[in-house]
Amino acid sequence: MRDDQHRFLALFGQLPARLTSEQAAWVLNCQSHDVPVLVVARLLKPLGNPQPNSVKYFATMEVQELAKDRAWLAKVTNAVSQHWKQKNSQKKQSSGSLLSESPS
């Protein structure tokens, strides 16, 4: 967000009506690279029907309401943890297969 936008919104006293992925991550206290994980897990829904490679926007009001729901936050935590567990497992398997294929 640009500095002039930040000042205007501070005077206005509220967040913008829609958030980018990075801004949604700030509200949810997670990393911006976790937001696509939440979208795939259907825990967070972008506005409209964006193309896979387009910028995603999220309704501020919806993100704020979800952030107050303890059960939803537990699902988010589990989804993100599971995603990175799988990614790390795949990385270990691929590096392990490379080590076993190297000549002695």
PDB file of N, CA and C in Angstrom:
ATOM      1  N   MET A   1       0.846  -1.164   0.000  1.00  0.00           N
ATOM      2  CA  MET A   1       0.000   0.000   0.000  1.00  0.00           C
ATOM      3  C   MET A   1       0.896   1.233   0.000  1.00  0.00           C
ATOM      4  N   ARG A   2       0.556   2.169  -0.840  1.00  0.00           N
ATOM      5  CA  ARG A   2       1.346   3.391  -0.918  1.00  0.00           C
ATOM      6  C   ARG A   2       1.140   4.226   0.333  1.00  0.00           C
ATOM      7  N   ASP A   3       2.095   5.085   0.612  1.00  0.00           N
ATOM      8  CA  ASP A   3       2.066   5.904   1.821  1.00  0.00           C
ATOM      9  C   ASP A   3       0.837   6.818   1.845  1.00  0.00           C
ATOM     10  N   ASP A   4       0.500   7.417   0.694  1.00  0.00           N
ATOM     11  CA  ASP A   4      -0.667   8.307   0.661  1.00  0.00           C
ATOM     12  C   ASP A   4      -1.972   7.526   0.872  1.00  0.00           C
ATOM     13  N   GLN A   5      -2.024   6.285   0.373  1.00  0.00           N
ATOM     14  CA  GLN A   5      -3.198   5.442   0.624  1.00  0.00           C
ATOM     15  C   GLN A   5      -3.305   5.130   2.116  1.00  0.00           C
ATOM     16  N   HIS A   6      -2.174   4.820   2.716  1.00  0.00           N
ATOM     17  CA  HIS A   6      -2.150   4.490   4.140  1.00  0.00           C
ATOM     18  C   HIS A   6      -2.664   5.673   4.959  1.00  0.00           C
ATOM     19  N   ARG A   7      -2.177   6.881   4.657  1.00  0.00           N
ATOM     20  CA  ARG A   7      -2.615   8.066   5.399  1.00  0.00           C
ATOM     21  C   ARG A   7      -4.100   8.332   5.211  1.00  0.00           C
ATOM     22  N   PHE A   8      -4.603   8.207   3.973  1.00  0.00           N
ATOM     23  CA  PHE A   8      -6.026   8.415   3.710  1.00  0.00           C
ATOM     24  C   PHE A   8      -6.875   7.426   4.496  1.00  0.00           C
ATOM     25  N   LEU A   9      -6.493   6.152   4.450  1.00  0.00           N
ATOM     26  CA  LEU A   9      -7.260   5.135   5.164  1.00  0.00           C
ATOM     27  C   LEU A   9      -7.185   5.323   6.678  1.00  0.00           C
ATOM     28  N   ALA A  10      -6.051   5.809   7.175  1.00  0.00           N
ATOM     29  CA  ALA A  10      -5.930   6.081   8.606  1.00  0.00           C
ATOM     30  C   ALA A  10      -6.881   7.212   9.002  1.00  0.00           C
ATOM     31  N   LEU A  11      -6.993   8.221   8.162  1.00  0.00           N
ATOM     32  CA  LEU A  11      -7.939   9.304   8.429  1.00  0.00           C
ATOM     33  C   LEU A  11      -9.382   8.809   8.316  1.00  0.00           C
ATOM     34  N   PHE A  12      -9.621   7.956   7.365  1.00  0.00           N
ATOM     35  CA  PHE A  12     -10.949   7.405   7.127  1.00  0.00           C
ATOM     36  C   PHE A  12     -11.344   6.447   8.250  1.00  0.00           C
ATOM     37  N   GLY A  13     -10.356   5.845   8.881  1.00  0.00           N
ATOM     38  CA  GLY A  13     -10.591   5.008  10.048  1.00  0.00           C
ATOM     39  C   GLY A  13     -10.959   3.569   9.756  1.00  0.00           C
ATOM     40  N   GLN A  14     -10.630   3.080   8.574  1.00  0.00           N
ATOM     41  CA  GLN A  14     -10.918   1.680   8.281  1.00  0.00           C
ATOM     42  C   GLN A  14      -9.998   1.146   7.201  1.00  0.00           C
ATOM     43  N   LEU A  15      -9.997  -0.176   7.082  1.00  0.00           N
ATOM     44  CA  LEU A  15      -9.215  -0.838   6.038  1.00  0.00           C
ATOM     45  C   LEU A  15      -9.923  -0.700   4.695  1.00  0.00           C
ATOM     46  N   PRO A  16      -9.215  -0.943   3.585  1.00  0.00           N
ATOM     47  CA  PRO A  16      -9.888  -0.927   2.289  1.00  0.00           C
ATOM     48  C   PRO A  16     -10.909  -2.063   2.207  1.00  0.00           C
ATOM     49  N   ALA A  17     -11.861  -1.953   1.304  1.00  0.00           N
ATOM     50  CA  ALA A  17     -12.935  -2.946   1.180  1.00  0.00           C
ATOM     51  C   ALA A  17     -12.426  -4.300   0.710  1.00  0.00           C
ATOM     52  N   ARG A  18     -11.356  -4.306  -0.062  1.00  0.00           N
ATOM     53  CA  ARG A  18     -10.783  -5.579  -0.504  1.00  0.00           C
ATOM     54  C   ARG A  18      -9.283  -5.564  -0.247  1.00  0.00           C
ATOM     55  N   LEU A  19      -8.776  -6.750   0.024  1.00  0.00           N
ATOM     56  CA  LEU A  19      -7.373  -6.923   0.375  1.00  0.00           C
ATOM     57  C   LEU A  19      -6.659  -7.758  -0.674  1.00  0.00           C
ATOM     58  N   THR A  20      -5.390  -7.461  -0.895  1.00  0.00           N
ATOM     59  CA  THR A  20      -4.564  -8.327  -1.731  1.00  0.00           C
ATOM     60  C   THR A  20      -4.190  -9.555  -0.905  1.00  0.00           C
ATOM     61  N   SER A  21      -3.554 -10.516  -1.527  1.00  0.00           N
ATOM     62  CA  SER A  21      -3.105 -11.703  -0.800  1.00  0.00           C
ATOM     63  C   SER A  21      -2.162 -11.331   0.336  1.00  0.00           C
ATOM     64  N   GLU A  22      -1.256 -10.411   0.066  1.00  0.00           N
ATOM     65  CA  GLU A  22      -0.290  -9.995   1.092  1.00  0.00           C
ATOM     66  C   GLU A  22      -0.995  -9.326   2.263  1.00  0.00           C
ATOM     67  N   GLN A  23      -1.960  -8.452   1.969  1.00  0.00           N
ATOM     68  CA  GLN A  23      -2.688  -7.765   3.029  1.00  0.00           C
ATOM     69  C   GLN A  23      -3.549  -8.738   3.833  1.00  0.00           C
ATOM     70  N   ALA A  24      -4.170  -9.696   3.152  1.00  0.00           N
ATOM     71  CA  ALA A  24      -4.966 -10.718   3.842  1.00  0.00           C
ATOM     72  C   ALA A  24      -4.062 -11.526   4.775  1.00  0.00           C
ATOM     73  N   ALA A  25      -2.852 -11.819   4.316  1.00  0.00           N
ATOM     74  CA  ALA A  25      -1.897 -12.557   5.153  1.00  0.00           C
ATOM     75  C   ALA A  25      -1.558 -11.754   6.402  1.00  0.00           C
ATOM     76  N   TRP A  26      -1.392 -10.440   6.263  1.00  0.00           N
ATOM     77  CA  TRP A  26      -1.102  -9.602   7.425  1.00  0.00           C
ATOM     78  C   TRP A  26      -2.233  -9.694   8.439  1.00  0.00           C
ATOM     79  N   VAL A  27      -3.481  -9.591   7.964  1.00  0.00           N
ATOM     80  CA  VAL A  27      -4.641  -9.640   8.858  1.00  0.00           C
ATOM     81  C   VAL A  27      -4.703 -10.992   9.577  1.00  0.00           C
ATOM     82  N   LEU A  28      -4.370 -12.061   8.852  1.00  0.00           N
ATOM     83  CA  LEU A  28      -4.441 -13.413   9.416  1.00  0.00           C
ATOM     84  C   LEU A  28      -3.174 -13.820  10.158  1.00  0.00           C
ATOM     85  N   ASN A  29      -2.170 -12.957  10.159  1.00  0.00           N
ATOM     86  CA  ASN A  29      -0.887 -13.243  10.796  1.00  0.00           C
ATOM     87  C   ASN A  29      -0.255 -14.523  10.241  1.00  0.00           C
ATOM     88  N   CYS A  30      -0.214 -14.601   8.924  1.00  0.00           N
ATOM     89  CA  CYS A  30       0.482 -15.707   8.271  1.00  0.00           C
ATOM     90  C   CYS A  30       1.356 -15.125   7.163  1.00  0.00           C
ATOM     91  N   GLN A  31       2.086 -15.978   6.484  1.00  0.00           N
ATOM     92  CA  GLN A  31       2.962 -15.543   5.400  1.00  0.00           C
ATOM     93  C   GLN A  31       2.154 -15.408   4.109  1.00  0.00           C
ATOM     94  N   SER A  32       2.569 -14.513   3.242  1.00  0.00           N
ATOM     95  CA  SER A  32       1.828 -14.316   1.993  1.00  0.00           C
ATOM     96  C   SER A  32       1.854 -15.567   1.122  1.00  0.00           C
ATOM     97  N   HIS A  33       2.895 -16.395   1.224  1.00  0.00           N
ATOM     98  CA  HIS A  33       2.931 -17.623   0.430  1.00  0.00           C
ATOM     99  C   HIS A  33       1.994 -18.695   0.984  1.00  0.00           C
ATOM    100  N   ASP A  34       1.408 -18.458   2.161  1.00  0.00           N
ATOM    101  CA  ASP A  34       0.424 -19.391   2.707  1.00  0.00           C
ATOM    102  C   ASP A  34      -0.985 -19.134   2.183  1.00  0.00           C
ATOM    103  N   VAL A  35      -1.247 -17.949   1.671  1.00  0.00           N
ATOM    104  CA  VAL A  35      -2.598 -17.614   1.205  1.00  0.00           C
ATOM    105  C   VAL A  35      -3.048 -18.529   0.063  1.00  0.00           C
ATOM    106  N   PRO A  36      -2.209 -18.816  -0.965  1.00  0.00           N
ATOM    107  CA  PRO A  36      -2.656 -19.765  -1.993  1.00  0.00           C
ATOM    108  C   PRO A  36      -2.979 -21.151  -1.422  1.00  0.00           C
ATOM    109  N   VAL A  37      -2.290 -21.554  -0.376  1.00  0.00           N
ATOM    110  CA  VAL A  37      -2.565 -22.829   0.292  1.00  0.00           C
ATOM    111  C   VAL A  37      -3.981 -22.799   0.869  1.00  0.00           C
ATOM    112  N   LEU A  38      -4.356 -21.683   1.468  1.00  0.00           N
ATOM    113  CA  LEU A  38      -5.686 -21.542   2.049  1.00  0.00           C
ATOM    114  C   LEU A  38      -6.771 -21.512   0.976  1.00  0.00           C
ATOM    115  N   VAL A  39      -6.452 -20.938  -0.169  1.00  0.00           N
ATOM    116  CA  VAL A  39      -7.411 -20.903  -1.281  1.00  0.00           C
ATOM    117  C   VAL A  39      -7.625 -22.317  -1.822  1.00  0.00           C
ATOM    118  N   VAL A  40      -6.541 -23.059  -2.028  1.00  0.00           N
ATOM    119  CA  VAL A  40      -6.647 -24.434  -2.527  1.00  0.00           C
ATOM    120  C   VAL A  40      -7.425 -25.301  -1.541  1.00  0.00           C
ATOM    121  N   ALA A  41      -7.211 -25.066  -0.244  1.00  0.00           N
ATOM    122  CA  ALA A  41      -7.909 -25.832   0.797  1.00  0.00           C
ATOM    123  C   ALA A  41      -9.354 -25.358   0.982  1.00  0.00           C
ATOM    124  N   ARG A  42      -9.759 -24.355   0.212  1.00  0.00           N
ATOM    125  CA  ARG A  42     -11.111 -23.771   0.277  1.00  0.00           C
ATOM    126  C   ARG A  42     -11.434 -23.164   1.639  1.00  0.00           C
ATOM    127  N   LEU A  43     -10.416 -22.676   2.307  1.00  0.00           N
ATOM    128  CA  LEU A  43     -10.612 -21.990   3.581  1.00  0.00           C
ATOM    129  C   LEU A  43     -10.726 -20.481   3.391  1.00  0.00           C
ATOM    130  N   LEU A  44     -10.285 -20.002   2.241  1.00  0.00           N
ATOM    131  CA  LEU A  44     -10.327 -18.588   1.915  1.00  0.00           C
ATOM    132  C   LEU A  44     -10.760 -18.480   0.457  1.00  0.00           C
ATOM    133  N   LYS A  45     -11.744 -17.632   0.180  1.00  0.00           N
ATOM    134  CA  LYS A  45     -12.260 -17.525  -1.182  1.00  0.00           C
ATOM    135  C   LYS A  45     -11.999 -16.131  -1.726  1.00  0.00           C
ATOM    136  N   PRO A  46     -11.308 -16.063  -2.872  1.00  0.00           N
ATOM    137  CA  PRO A  46     -11.075 -14.755  -3.481  1.00  0.00           C
ATOM    138  C   PRO A  46     -12.376 -14.189  -4.059  1.00  0.00           C
ATOM    139  N   LEU A  47     -12.405 -12.882  -4.224  1.00  0.00           N
ATOM    140  CA  LEU A  47     -13.563 -12.229  -4.818  1.00  0.00           C
ATOM    141  C   LEU A  47     -13.640 -12.542  -6.310  1.00  0.00           C
ATOM    142  N   GLY A  48     -14.831 -12.716  -6.810  1.00  0.00           N
ATOM    143  CA  GLY A  48     -15.029 -12.969  -8.232  1.00  0.00           C
ATOM    144  C   GLY A  48     -14.550 -14.351  -8.628  1.00  0.00           C
ATOM    145  N   ASN A  49     -14.175 -14.465  -9.894  1.00  0.00           N
ATOM    146  CA  ASN A  49     -13.645 -15.716 -10.437  1.00  0.00           C
ATOM    147  C   ASN A  49     -12.318 -15.429 -11.127  1.00  0.00           C
ATOM    148  N   PRO A  50     -11.277 -15.144 -10.335  1.00  0.00           N
ATOM    149  CA  PRO A  50      -9.991 -14.769 -10.935  1.00  0.00           C
ATOM    150  C   PRO A  50      -9.324 -15.948 -11.641  1.00  0.00           C
ATOM    151  N   GLN A  51      -8.576 -15.625 -12.659  1.00  0.00           N
ATOM    152  CA  GLN A  51      -7.790 -16.624 -13.367  1.00  0.00           C
ATOM    153  C   GLN A  51      -6.689 -17.132 -12.431  1.00  0.00           C
ATOM    154  N   PRO A  52      -6.194 -18.354 -12.666  1.00  0.00           N
ATOM    155  CA  PRO A  52      -5.167 -18.913 -11.771  1.00  0.00           C
ATOM    156  C   PRO A  52      -3.926 -18.032 -11.610  1.00  0.00           C
ATOM    157  N   ASN A  53      -3.541 -17.315 -12.670  1.00  0.00           N
ATOM    158  CA  ASN A  53      -2.317 -16.520 -12.603  1.00  0.00           C
ATOM    159  C   ASN A  53      -2.577 -15.029 -12.373  1.00  0.00           C
ATOM    160  N   SER A  54      -3.807 -14.655 -11.999  1.00  0.00           N
ATOM    161  CA  SER A  54      -4.121 -13.243 -11.788  1.00  0.00           C
ATOM    162  C   SER A  54      -4.046 -12.874 -10.315  1.00  0.00           C
ATOM    163  N   VAL A  55      -4.050 -11.573 -10.060  1.00  0.00           N
ATOM    164  CA  VAL A  55      -4.035 -11.059  -8.687  1.00  0.00           C
ATOM    165  C   VAL A  55      -5.360 -11.424  -8.034  1.00  0.00           C
ATOM    166  N   LYS A  56      -5.283 -11.917  -6.809  1.00  0.00           N
ATOM    167  CA  LYS A  56      -6.488 -12.285  -6.059  1.00  0.00           C
ATOM    168  C   LYS A  56      -6.778 -11.209  -5.024  1.00  0.00           C
ATOM    169  N   TYR A  57      -8.059 -10.877  -4.897  1.00  0.00           N
ATOM    170  CA  TYR A  57      -8.513  -9.948  -3.872  1.00  0.00           C
ATOM    171  C   TYR A  57      -9.485 -10.670  -2.958  1.00  0.00           C
ATOM    172  N   PHE A  58      -9.509 -10.254  -1.684  1.00  0.00           N
ATOM    173  CA  PHE A  58     -10.356 -10.875  -0.680  1.00  0.00           C
ATOM    174  C   PHE A  58     -11.155  -9.793   0.024  1.00  0.00           C
ATOM    175  N   ALA A  59     -12.393 -10.102   0.378  1.00  0.00           N
ATOM    176  CA  ALA A  59     -13.253  -9.147   1.079  1.00  0.00           C
ATOM    177  C   ALA A  59     -12.718  -8.938   2.490  1.00  0.00           C
ATOM    178  N   THR A  60     -12.411  -7.700   2.821  1.00  0.00           N
ATOM    179  CA  THR A  60     -11.866  -7.372   4.132  1.00  0.00           C
ATOM    180  C   THR A  60     -12.793  -7.825   5.248  1.00  0.00           C
ATOM    181  N   MET A  61     -14.085  -7.548   5.093  1.00  0.00           N
ATOM    182  CA  MET A  61     -15.052  -7.900   6.125  1.00  0.00           C
ATOM    183  C   MET A  61     -15.064  -9.405   6.381  1.00  0.00           C
ATOM    184  N   GLU A  62     -14.973 -10.194   5.308  1.00  0.00           N
ATOM    185  CA  GLU A  62     -14.969 -11.654   5.452  1.00  0.00           C
ATOM    186  C   GLU A  62     -13.690 -12.142   6.141  1.00  0.00           C
ATOM    187  N   VAL A  63     -12.560 -11.592   5.748  1.00  0.00           N
ATOM    188  CA  VAL A  63     -11.287 -11.993   6.347  1.00  0.00           C
ATOM    189  C   VAL A  63     -11.280 -11.653   7.838  1.00  0.00           C
ATOM    190  N   GLN A  64     -11.787 -10.488   8.192  1.00  0.00           N
ATOM    191  CA  GLN A  64     -11.826 -10.096   9.602  1.00  0.00           C
ATOM    192  C   GLN A  64     -12.753 -11.012  10.411  1.00  0.00           C
ATOM    193  N   GLU A  65     -13.886 -11.375   9.835  1.00  0.00           N
ATOM    194  CA  GLU A  65     -14.812 -12.277  10.535  1.00  0.00           C
ATOM    195  C   GLU A  65     -14.193 -13.658  10.714  1.00  0.00           C
ATOM    196  N   LEU A  66     -13.548 -14.172   9.669  1.00  0.00           N
ATOM    197  CA  LEU A  66     -12.904 -15.479   9.759  1.00  0.00           C
ATOM    198  C   LEU A  66     -11.792 -15.473  10.808  1.00  0.00           C
ATOM    199  N   ALA A  67     -11.082 -14.361  10.908  1.00  0.00           N
ATOM    200  CA  ALA A  67      -9.966 -14.263  11.860  1.00  0.00           C
ATOM    201  C   ALA A  67     -10.438 -14.325  13.313  1.00  0.00           C
ATOM    202  N   LYS A  68     -11.721 -14.122  13.544  1.00  0.00           N
ATOM    203  CA  LYS A  68     -12.281 -14.187  14.904  1.00  0.00           C
ATOM    204  C   LYS A  68     -12.775 -15.589  15.263  1.00  0.00           C
ATOM    205  N   ASP A  69     -12.798 -16.485  14.276  1.00  0.00           N
ATOM    206  CA  ASP A  69     -13.345 -17.829  14.468  1.00  0.00           C
ATOM    207  C   ASP A  69     -12.226 -18.807  14.841  1.00  0.00           C
ATOM    208  N   ARG A  70     -12.228 -19.253  16.084  1.00  0.00           N
ATOM    209  CA  ARG A  70     -11.172 -20.142  16.586  1.00  0.00           C
ATOM    210  C   ARG A  70     -11.116 -21.464  15.814  1.00  0.00           C
ATOM    211  N   ALA A  71     -12.261 -22.042  15.508  1.00  0.00           N
ATOM    212  CA  ALA A  71     -12.289 -23.316  14.770  1.00  0.00           C
ATOM    213  C   ALA A  71     -11.696 -23.138  13.371  1.00  0.00           C
ATOM    214  N   TRP A  72     -12.018 -22.029  12.709  1.00  0.00           N
ATOM    215  CA  TRP A  72     -11.482 -21.771  11.379  1.00  0.00           C
ATOM    216  C   TRP A  72      -9.971 -21.567  11.450  1.00  0.00           C
ATOM    217  N   LEU A  73      -9.512 -20.852  12.473  1.00  0.00           N
ATOM    218  CA  LEU A  73      -8.073 -20.643  12.634  1.00  0.00           C
ATOM    219  C   LEU A  73      -7.338 -21.965  12.850  1.00  0.00           C
ATOM    220  N   ALA A  74      -7.967 -22.895  13.557  1.00  0.00           N
ATOM    221  CA  ALA A  74      -7.357 -24.223  13.744  1.00  0.00           C
ATOM    222  C   ALA A  74      -7.252 -24.943  12.402  1.00  0.00           C
ATOM    223  N   LYS A  75      -8.279 -24.827  11.559  1.00  0.00           N
ATOM    224  CA  LYS A  75      -8.245 -25.447  10.227  1.00  0.00           C
ATOM    225  C   LYS A  75      -7.144 -24.824   9.376  1.00  0.00           C
ATOM    226  N   VAL A  76      -6.991 -23.518   9.472  1.00  0.00           N
ATOM    227  CA  VAL A  76      -5.934 -22.813   8.730  1.00  0.00           C
ATOM    228  C   VAL A  76      -4.569 -23.323   9.165  1.00  0.00           C
ATOM    229  N   THR A  77      -4.366 -23.393  10.467  1.00  0.00           N
ATOM    230  CA  THR A  77      -3.085 -23.857  11.009  1.00  0.00           C
ATOM    231  C   THR A  77      -2.787 -25.276  10.532  1.00  0.00           C
ATOM    232  N   ASN A  78      -3.788 -26.142  10.583  1.00  0.00           N
ATOM    233  CA  ASN A  78      -3.602 -27.530  10.139  1.00  0.00           C
ATOM    234  C   ASN A  78      -3.331 -27.612   8.638  1.00  0.00           C
ATOM    235  N   ALA A  79      -4.052 -26.828   7.835  1.00  0.00           N
ATOM    236  CA  ALA A  79      -3.859 -26.856   6.382  1.00  0.00           C
ATOM    237  C   ALA A  79      -2.458 -26.396   6.001  1.00  0.00           C
ATOM    238  N   VAL A  80      -1.993 -25.315   6.613  1.00  0.00           N
ATOM    239  CA  VAL A  80      -0.662 -24.788   6.310  1.00  0.00           C
ATOM    240  C   VAL A  80       0.410 -25.780   6.767  1.00  0.00           C
ATOM    241  N   SER A  81       0.235 -26.323   7.967  1.00  0.00           N
ATOM    242  CA  SER A  81       1.208 -27.297   8.478  1.00  0.00           C
ATOM    243  C   SER A  81       1.277 -28.528   7.584  1.00  0.00           C
ATOM    244  N   GLN A  82       0.126 -29.035   7.176  1.00  0.00           N
ATOM    245  CA  GLN A  82       0.067 -30.219   6.314  1.00  0.00           C
ATOM    246  C   GLN A  82       0.720 -29.938   4.965  1.00  0.00           C
ATOM    247  N   HIS A  83       0.461 -28.768   4.414  1.00  0.00           N
ATOM    248  CA  HIS A  83       1.044 -28.398   3.119  1.00  0.00           C
ATOM    249  C   HIS A  83       2.575 -28.421   3.187  1.00  0.00           C
ATOM    250  N   TRP A  84       3.129 -27.778   4.214  1.00  0.00           N
ATOM    251  CA  TRP A  84       4.586 -27.699   4.304  1.00  0.00           C
ATOM    252  C   TRP A  84       5.199 -29.031   4.699  1.00  0.00           C
ATOM    253  N   LYS A  85       4.470 -29.830   5.440  1.00  0.00           N
ATOM    254  CA  LYS A  85       4.945 -31.174   5.763  1.00  0.00           C
ATOM    255  C   LYS A  85       5.083 -32.002   4.483  1.00  0.00           C
ATOM    256  N   GLN A  86       4.076 -31.914   3.608  1.00  0.00           N
ATOM    257  CA  GLN A  86       4.129 -32.639   2.333  1.00  0.00           C
ATOM    258  C   GLN A  86       5.243 -32.116   1.440  1.00  0.00           C
ATOM    259  N   LYS A  87       5.386 -30.789   1.364  1.00  0.00           N
ATOM    260  CA  LYS A  87       6.445 -30.201   0.536  1.00  0.00           C
ATOM    261  C   LYS A  87       7.826 -30.639   1.023  1.00  0.00           C
ATOM    262  N   ASN A  88       8.035 -30.610   2.329  1.00  0.00           N
ATOM    263  CA  ASN A  88       9.335 -31.013   2.875  1.00  0.00           C
ATOM    264  C   ASN A  88       9.584 -32.494   2.676  1.00  0.00           C
ATOM    265  N   SER A  89       8.553 -33.298   2.775  1.00  0.00           N
ATOM    266  CA  SER A  89       8.678 -34.735   2.548  1.00  0.00           C
ATOM    267  C   SER A  89       9.073 -35.012   1.094  1.00  0.00           C
ATOM    268  N   GLN A  90       8.442 -34.300   0.164  1.00  0.00           N
ATOM    269  CA  GLN A  90       8.776 -34.462  -1.254  1.00  0.00           C
ATOM    270  C   GLN A  90      10.218 -34.039  -1.519  1.00  0.00           C
ATOM    271  N   LYS A  91      10.650 -32.965  -0.881  1.00  0.00           N
ATOM    272  CA  LYS A  91      12.011 -32.479  -1.068  1.00  0.00           C
ATOM    273  C   LYS A  91      13.016 -33.510  -0.554  1.00  0.00           C
ATOM    274  N   LYS A  92      12.734 -34.103   0.612  1.00  0.00           N
ATOM    275  CA  LYS A  92      13.631 -35.109   1.178  1.00  0.00           C
ATOM    276  C   LYS A  92      13.686 -36.348   0.299  1.00  0.00           C
ATOM    277  N   GLN A  93      12.528 -36.760  -0.249  1.00  0.00           N
ATOM    278  CA  GLN A  93      12.492 -37.939  -1.114  1.00  0.00           C
ATOM    279  C   GLN A  93      13.286 -37.701  -2.393  1.00  0.00           C
ATOM    280  N   SER A  94      13.128 -36.520  -2.986  1.00  0.00           N
ATOM    281  CA  SER A  94      13.851 -36.251  -4.234  1.00  0.00           C
ATOM    282  C   SER A  94      15.347 -36.112  -3.988  1.00  0.00           C
ATOM    283  N   SER A  95      15.748 -35.519  -2.870  1.00  0.00           N
ATOM    284  CA  SER A  95      17.187 -35.401  -2.588  1.00  0.00           C
ATOM    285  C   SER A  95      17.758 -36.758  -2.193  1.00  0.00           C
ATOM    286  N   GLY A  96      16.968 -37.596  -1.557  1.00  0.00           N
ATOM    287  CA  GLY A  96      17.417 -38.943  -1.197  1.00  0.00           C
ATOM    288  C   GLY A  96      17.619 -39.813  -2.424  1.00  0.00           C
ATOM    289  N   SER A  97      16.735 -39.669  -3.422  1.00  0.00           N
ATOM    290  CA  SER A  97      16.883 -40.465  -4.636  1.00  0.00           C
ATOM    291  C   SER A  97      18.092 -39.992  -5.446  1.00  0.00           C
ATOM    292  N   LEU A  98      18.399 -38.716  -5.386  1.00  0.00           N
ATOM    293  CA  LEU A  98      19.584 -38.208  -6.093  1.00  0.00           C
ATOM    294  C   LEU A  98      20.855 -38.741  -5.451  1.00  0.00           C
ATOM    295  N   LEU A  99      20.878 -38.849  -4.143  1.00  0.00           N
ATOM    296  CA  LEU A  99      22.058 -39.369  -3.446  1.00  0.00           C
ATOM    297  C   LEU A  99      22.268 -40.853  -3.748  1.00  0.00           C
ATOM    298  N   SER A 100      21.201 -41.617  -3.855  1.00  0.00           N
ATOM    299  CA  SER A 100      21.342 -43.050  -4.123  1.00  0.00           C
ATOM    300  C   SER A 100      21.718 -43.331  -5.579  1.00  0.00           C
ATOM    301  N   GLU A 101      21.446 -42.358  -6.479  1.00  0.00           N
ATOM    302  CA  GLU A 101      21.777 -42.540  -7.898  1.00  0.00           C
ATOM    303  C   GLU A 101      23.195 -42.083  -8.228  1.00  0.00           C
ATOM    304  N   SER A 102      23.837 -41.351  -7.353  1.00  0.00           N
ATOM    305  CA  SER A 102      25.161 -40.828  -7.671  1.00  0.00           C
ATOM    306  C   SER A 102      26.186 -41.964  -7.667  1.00  0.00           C
ATOM    307  N   PRO A 103      27.152 -41.901  -8.610  1.00  0.00           N
ATOM    308  CA  PRO A 103      28.157 -42.970  -8.706  1.00  0.00           C
ATOM    309  C   PRO A 103      29.096 -42.994  -7.503  1.00  0.00           C
ATOM    310  N   SER A 104      29.550 -44.149  -7.143  1.00  0.00           N
ATOM    311  CA  SER A 104      30.438 -44.303  -5.973  1.00  0.00           C
ATOM    312  C   SER A 104      31.882 -44.236  -6.387  1.00  0.00           C
TER     313      SER A 104
END
